[in-house]
Protein backbone atom coordinates (compact mmCIF):
# COMPACT_ATOMS: atom_id res chain seq x y z
CA MET A 1 7.00 0.34 80.58
CA LYS A 2 6.12 1.91 83.89
CA HIS A 3 4.34 4.79 82.13
CA GLY A 4 2.35 2.33 79.97
CA PHE A 5 1.33 0.31 83.00
CA THR A 6 0.19 3.47 84.80
CA ALA A 7 -1.91 4.56 81.80
CA GLN A 8 -3.44 1.10 81.52
CA SER A 9 -4.27 1.06 85.23
CA LEU A 10 -5.82 4.51 85.00
CA HIS A 11 -7.90 3.38 82.02
CA SER A 12 -9.10 0.30 83.94
CA LYS A 13 -10.01 2.36 87.00
CA THR A 14 -11.89 4.89 84.86
CA ARG A 15 -13.76 2.07 83.13
CA MET A 16 -14.72 0.48 86.45
CA LEU A 17 -15.85 3.86 87.78
CA GLY A 18 -18.05 4.32 84.71
CA ILE A 19 -19.57 0.88 85.19
CA LEU A 20 -20.30 1.66 88.86
CA PHE A 21 -22.12 4.85 87.85
CA LEU A 22 -24.17 2.89 85.29
CA VAL A 23 -25.23 0.14 87.69
CA PRO A 24 -27.98 2.17 89.46
CA ALA A 25 -29.48 3.21 86.12
CA ALA A 26 -29.29 -0.37 84.83
CA LEU A 27 -31.03 -1.68 87.94
CA PHE A 28 -33.75 0.96 87.69
CA ILE A 29 -34.39 0.16 84.02
CA SER A 30 -34.43 -3.56 84.77
CA PHE A 31 -36.99 -3.28 87.57
CA SER A 32 -39.14 -0.66 85.83
CA SER A 33 -39.05 -1.94 82.24
CA LEU A 34 -37.25 -5.20 81.46
CA ILE A 35 -38.64 -7.35 84.28
CA PRO A 36 -42.26 -6.14 83.75
CA ILE A 37 -41.94 -6.86 80.01
CA VAL A 38 -40.76 -10.42 80.65
CA TRP A 39 -43.42 -10.93 83.33
CA ASN A 40 -46.14 -9.57 81.04
CA PHE A 41 -45.06 -11.97 78.28
CA ILE A 42 -45.18 -14.96 80.65
CA LEU A 43 -48.53 -13.82 82.07
CA SER A 44 -50.02 -13.69 78.57
CA PHE A 45 -49.90 -17.51 78.48
CA ALA A 46 -51.70 -17.85 81.80
CA GLU A 47 -55.12 -17.43 83.35
CA TRP A 48 -54.99 -15.34 86.51
CA ASN A 49 -57.52 -13.13 88.29
CA GLY A 50 -55.02 -11.56 90.68
CA PHE A 51 -56.07 -13.62 93.70
CA SER A 52 -56.10 -17.35 92.94
CA SER A 53 -53.17 -19.40 91.71
CA MET A 54 -51.97 -18.87 88.15
CA LYS A 55 -52.97 -21.47 85.56
CA MET A 56 -51.01 -21.82 82.31
CA VAL A 57 -53.38 -21.99 79.33
CA GLY A 58 -50.97 -21.80 76.40
CA LEU A 59 -52.25 -19.79 73.45
CA ASP A 60 -55.86 -19.59 74.64
CA ASN A 61 -55.60 -15.87 75.45
CA TYR A 62 -54.29 -15.10 71.97
CA VAL A 63 -57.04 -17.16 70.35
CA THR A 64 -59.62 -15.27 72.40
CA LEU A 65 -58.01 -11.97 71.44
CA PHE A 66 -58.33 -12.52 67.69
CA GLN A 67 -61.95 -13.64 68.15
CA ASP A 68 -62.90 -10.62 70.28
CA SER A 69 -64.45 -7.99 68.02
CA VAL A 70 -64.16 -5.21 70.63
CA THR A 71 -60.43 -5.78 71.07
CA MET A 72 -59.77 -6.03 67.34
CA LYS A 73 -61.66 -2.78 66.76
CA GLY A 74 -59.59 -1.26 69.55
CA PHE A 75 -56.43 -2.01 67.58
CA ARG A 76 -57.87 -0.24 64.53
CA TYR A 77 -58.95 2.75 66.62
CA SER A 78 -55.52 3.05 68.26
CA VAL A 79 -53.71 2.89 64.92
CA PHE A 80 -56.09 5.42 63.38
CA ILE A 81 -55.73 7.96 66.19
CA ALA A 82 -51.95 7.50 66.38
CA VAL A 83 -51.33 7.85 62.64
CA VAL A 84 -53.77 10.72 62.00
CA SER A 85 -52.72 12.71 65.07
CA SER A 86 -49.03 12.21 64.21
CA VAL A 87 -49.58 13.44 60.65
CA ILE A 88 -51.49 16.49 61.93
CA ALA A 89 -48.81 17.24 64.54
CA MET A 90 -45.97 16.91 62.01
CA ILE A 91 -47.59 19.02 59.28
CA SER A 92 -48.79 21.78 61.62
CA GLY A 93 -45.55 21.72 63.63
CA LEU A 94 -43.43 22.03 60.49
CA PHE A 95 -45.61 24.88 59.23
CA LEU A 96 -45.31 26.71 62.56
CA ALA A 97 -41.54 26.18 62.66
CA LEU A 98 -41.13 27.66 59.19
CA LEU A 99 -43.42 30.55 60.12
CA VAL A 100 -41.61 31.34 63.36
CA TYR A 101 -38.23 31.17 61.65
CA ARG A 102 -39.46 33.60 59.01
CA LEU A 103 -40.62 36.09 61.65
CA GLY A 104 -37.16 36.52 63.15
CA ASN A 105 -35.84 36.43 66.70
CA ARG A 106 -37.93 39.10 68.44
CA GLU A 107 -41.38 38.28 67.09
CA GLY A 108 -40.53 34.59 66.81
CA THR A 109 -39.84 34.34 70.55
CA VAL A 110 -43.37 35.49 71.40
CA PHE A 111 -45.04 33.18 68.92
CA ARG A 112 -42.88 30.22 69.94
CA LEU A 113 -44.19 30.63 73.47
CA ILE A 114 -47.79 30.92 72.26
CA PHE A 115 -47.61 27.89 69.97
CA PHE A 116 -45.70 25.78 72.50
CA THR A 117 -48.12 26.46 75.37
CA PRO A 118 -50.55 23.58 74.52
CA SER A 119 -47.68 21.08 74.64
CA MET A 120 -46.96 22.09 78.22
CA MET A 121 -50.52 21.29 79.30
CA PRO A 122 -51.31 17.73 80.52
CA PHE A 123 -53.39 15.54 78.21
CA ILE A 124 -56.10 15.23 80.84
CA VAL A 125 -56.48 19.03 80.98
CA ILE A 126 -56.63 19.25 77.18
CA GLY A 127 -59.27 16.52 77.11
CA LEU A 128 -61.48 18.18 79.71
CA LEU A 129 -61.08 21.56 78.01
CA PHE A 130 -62.20 20.23 74.65
CA THR A 131 -65.05 18.33 76.27
CA PHE A 132 -66.57 21.72 77.07
CA ILE A 133 -65.57 23.27 73.73
CA LEU A 134 -67.12 20.41 71.73
CA SER A 135 -70.28 20.00 73.80
CA PRO A 136 -73.24 19.70 71.37
CA ASP A 137 -75.49 22.17 73.23
CA MET A 138 -73.33 24.66 75.13
CA GLY A 139 -69.97 24.05 73.44
CA LEU A 140 -68.06 27.04 72.11
CA LEU A 141 -67.59 25.53 68.66
CA ASN A 142 -71.27 24.90 67.97
CA GLN A 143 -72.17 28.29 69.46
CA PHE A 144 -69.68 29.92 67.10
CA PHE A 145 -71.35 28.20 64.13
CA ARG A 146 -74.73 29.51 65.33
CA ILE A 147 -73.42 33.08 65.62
CA ILE A 148 -72.05 33.13 62.07
CA GLY A 149 -75.14 31.43 60.65
CA LEU A 150 -73.63 28.02 59.88
CA GLU A 151 -75.99 25.88 61.95
CA SER A 152 -75.61 23.11 59.38
CA LEU A 153 -72.04 22.54 60.61
CA GLU A 154 -73.12 21.83 64.18
CA ARG A 155 -72.27 18.32 65.27
CA ALA A 156 -72.20 16.12 68.34
CA TRP A 157 -68.43 15.94 67.92
CA LEU A 158 -67.82 13.35 70.63
CA ALA A 159 -71.04 11.35 70.22
CA GLU A 160 -71.20 10.56 66.50
CA PRO A 161 -69.56 7.18 65.73
CA GLY A 162 -68.09 8.32 62.42
CA LEU A 163 -66.73 11.58 63.84
CA VAL A 164 -65.40 10.87 67.30
CA LEU A 165 -62.08 9.33 66.20
CA TRP A 166 -61.35 12.22 63.86
CA THR A 167 -62.14 14.70 66.63
CA ILE A 168 -59.82 12.99 69.12
CA ALA A 169 -57.04 12.73 66.53
CA VAL A 170 -57.28 16.43 65.64
CA VAL A 171 -57.18 17.47 69.31
CA SER A 172 -54.24 15.17 70.03
CA GLY A 173 -52.38 16.37 66.94
CA TRP A 174 -52.98 20.00 67.87
CA ARG A 175 -51.61 19.37 71.33
CA GLY A 176 -48.40 17.81 69.95
CA SER A 177 -47.75 20.41 67.25
CA GLY A 178 -45.95 22.74 69.67
CA SER A 179 -43.28 20.19 70.56
CA VAL A 180 -42.77 19.36 66.88
CA MET A 181 -42.42 23.06 66.13
CA MET A 182 -39.70 23.55 68.76
CA LEU A 183 -37.66 20.55 67.63
CA LEU A 184 -37.84 21.41 63.94
CA TYR A 185 -37.20 25.09 64.61
CA THR A 186 -34.06 24.08 66.50
CA ALA A 187 -32.94 22.09 63.45
CA ILE A 188 -33.61 25.01 61.11
CA VAL A 189 -31.57 27.53 63.12
CA THR A 190 -28.52 25.24 62.92
CA ILE A 191 -28.39 25.71 59.15
CA PRO A 192 -25.60 28.21 58.33
CA SER A 193 -26.94 31.66 57.47
CA SER A 194 -24.48 31.81 54.58
CA MET A 195 -26.65 29.31 52.68
CA PHE A 196 -29.67 31.59 52.93
CA GLU A 197 -27.61 34.63 51.97
CA ALA A 198 -26.32 32.84 48.87
CA ALA A 199 -29.87 31.74 48.03
CA ARG A 200 -31.16 35.30 48.28
CA LEU A 201 -28.35 36.53 46.05
CA GLU A 202 -29.48 33.98 43.46
CA GLY A 203 -33.01 35.36 43.63
CA MET A 204 -34.68 32.57 45.66
CA ASN A 205 -37.77 33.51 47.63
CA TYR A 206 -38.61 31.91 50.98
CA SER A 207 -40.74 29.12 49.50
CA GLN A 208 -37.87 28.13 47.21
CA GLN A 209 -35.46 28.20 50.14
CA ILE A 210 -37.80 25.85 52.00
CA ARG A 211 -37.89 23.34 49.15
CA ARG A 212 -34.21 23.44 48.21
CA ILE A 213 -32.42 24.16 51.49
CA ILE A 214 -34.48 23.76 54.66
CA LEU A 215 -36.45 20.57 53.99
CA PRO A 216 -33.52 18.51 52.60
CA LEU A 217 -31.24 19.54 55.48
CA ILE A 218 -33.73 18.90 58.29
CA MET A 219 -35.15 15.68 56.86
CA PRO A 220 -33.19 13.47 59.32
CA MET A 221 -34.68 15.51 62.19
CA ILE A 222 -38.14 15.20 60.65
CA GLY A 223 -37.72 11.43 60.60
CA LEU A 224 -36.59 11.34 64.22
CA VAL A 225 -39.37 13.65 65.43
CA SER A 226 -42.04 11.73 63.51
CA MET A 227 -40.93 8.50 65.17
CA LEU A 228 -41.03 10.10 68.63
CA VAL A 229 -44.45 11.62 67.96
CA LEU A 230 -45.80 8.30 66.70
CA ILE A 231 -44.52 6.45 69.77
CA GLY A 232 -46.14 9.02 72.03
CA ALA A 233 -49.40 8.89 70.07
CA PHE A 234 -49.68 5.13 70.58
CA LYS A 235 -49.40 5.65 74.34
CA THR A 236 -52.34 8.06 74.29
CA TYR A 237 -54.85 7.07 76.94
CA ASP A 238 -55.74 10.01 79.17
CA ILE A 239 -57.00 12.34 76.44
CA VAL A 240 -59.33 9.65 75.06
CA TYR A 241 -60.57 8.65 78.50
CA SER A 242 -61.19 12.24 79.58
CA MET A 243 -63.07 13.10 76.37
CA THR A 244 -65.14 9.97 75.68
CA LYS A 245 -64.19 7.16 78.12
CA GLY A 246 -64.17 4.93 75.04
CA GLY A 247 -67.64 5.95 73.87
CA PRO A 248 -70.06 6.37 72.32
CA GLY A 249 -70.54 2.65 72.84
CA ASP A 250 -67.09 1.29 72.02
CA TYR A 251 -66.41 3.52 69.00
CA SER A 252 -63.34 5.09 70.61
CA LYS A 253 -62.33 2.25 72.92
CA ILE A 254 -58.64 2.14 72.13
CA VAL A 255 -56.32 -0.66 73.23
CA PRO A 256 -55.13 0.89 76.55
CA ILE A 257 -58.73 1.43 77.69
CA GLN A 258 -59.66 -2.11 76.66
CA MET A 259 -56.66 -3.50 78.54
CA LEU A 260 -57.67 -1.69 81.73
CA ASP A 261 -61.26 -2.87 81.42
CA VAL A 262 -60.21 -6.48 80.84
CA GLY A 263 -57.61 -6.46 83.60
CA PHE A 264 -59.09 -4.35 86.38
CA THR A 265 -62.83 -4.62 85.69
CA PHE A 266 -63.08 -8.30 84.74
CA ASN A 267 -59.86 -9.44 86.49
CA GLU A 268 -58.61 -11.25 83.38
CA PHE A 269 -54.96 -10.27 83.75
CA GLY A 270 -53.65 -12.97 81.43
CA TYR A 271 -55.91 -11.84 78.60
CA ALA A 272 -54.95 -8.20 79.24
CA ALA A 273 -51.26 -9.18 79.07
CA ALA A 274 -51.85 -10.91 75.73
CA ILE A 275 -53.45 -7.73 74.38
CA GLY A 276 -50.39 -5.79 75.54
CA VAL A 277 -47.99 -8.19 73.81
CA ILE A 278 -49.80 -8.01 70.46
CA PHE A 279 -50.11 -4.23 70.76
CA THR A 280 -46.37 -3.93 71.41
CA VAL A 281 -45.60 -6.03 68.33
CA LEU A 282 -48.00 -3.97 66.20
CA VAL A 283 -46.51 -0.66 67.36
CA SER A 284 -42.97 -1.92 66.72
CA ILE A 285 -43.87 -2.92 63.15
CA ILE A 286 -45.51 0.45 62.42
CA ILE A 287 -42.57 2.38 63.86
CA PHE A 288 -40.13 0.28 61.81
CA ILE A 289 -42.11 1.04 58.65
CA SER A 290 -42.26 4.76 59.49
CA ARG A 291 -38.48 4.88 59.92
CA LYS A 292 -38.05 3.40 56.46
CA VAL A 293 -40.56 5.78 54.89
CA VAL A 294 -39.47 9.02 56.58
CA ARG A 295 -35.74 9.34 56.37
CA GLY A 296 -33.29 11.62 54.69
CA ASP A 297 -29.64 12.01 53.79
CA VAL A 298 -27.25 13.47 56.35
CA TYR A 299 -25.33 16.53 55.14
CA GLU A 300 -22.20 17.99 56.66
CA TYR A 301 -21.91 21.77 56.67
């Protein structure tokens, strides 16, 4: 009985110690995330310019939101850039992971570093870099087309309304492909080598090994990475602002830029909060759908 009481006391003390260690993290998360979320939700039902007293206006901000063509287009632009850039990052990252794995350890190490380098660069740096590359007059891309005699392919990549979103999505997807490559490569190297040896003995080439071994076994990781990439793509702000500032006109004015304009330019913080609430709901729905679409069976080996 004495031994049981001692074990129970030790378990209680260990549990209390664990709770004490978790309290600082819980407080930090509460003050940095939970409380701002609740405050933003309450603010979305109010009219407030940041200086005068707050006035509750009910659903007026949400009614204004759905009647505002600029804001509604911003939702479409954000979804377009997030989805297209995520697809580009996933496809290119998977291709690079399979390529690096095929090269082996020595050569693969060098190419992993090369392909991962863009992911280590800040979005703002990537945006400014491609602003110079895609400049219509002195940009490297248009100059390259002139050198090889393909002047017909020259474009004002960041000034044409029908092209600017595609350009931003491609740049953002390229920047994220390195991180996708590293995560998927890590999943591939955990597959037992005996499976590949058995596949080679049966006469499978590398493309067959990809279809029958690698892709089925890393599908859960692909689903997880795609969700993380999609979440990050929806938070994209700096690369768009550094490349176009929402232009030309409002053809790339995504939701975060619109929220900042509404809140800090026009001092309509309640309306900006309402935009944030609807955007959060929209992102949650899209991520939920993506989790259902991209998922795979878990294998034990």
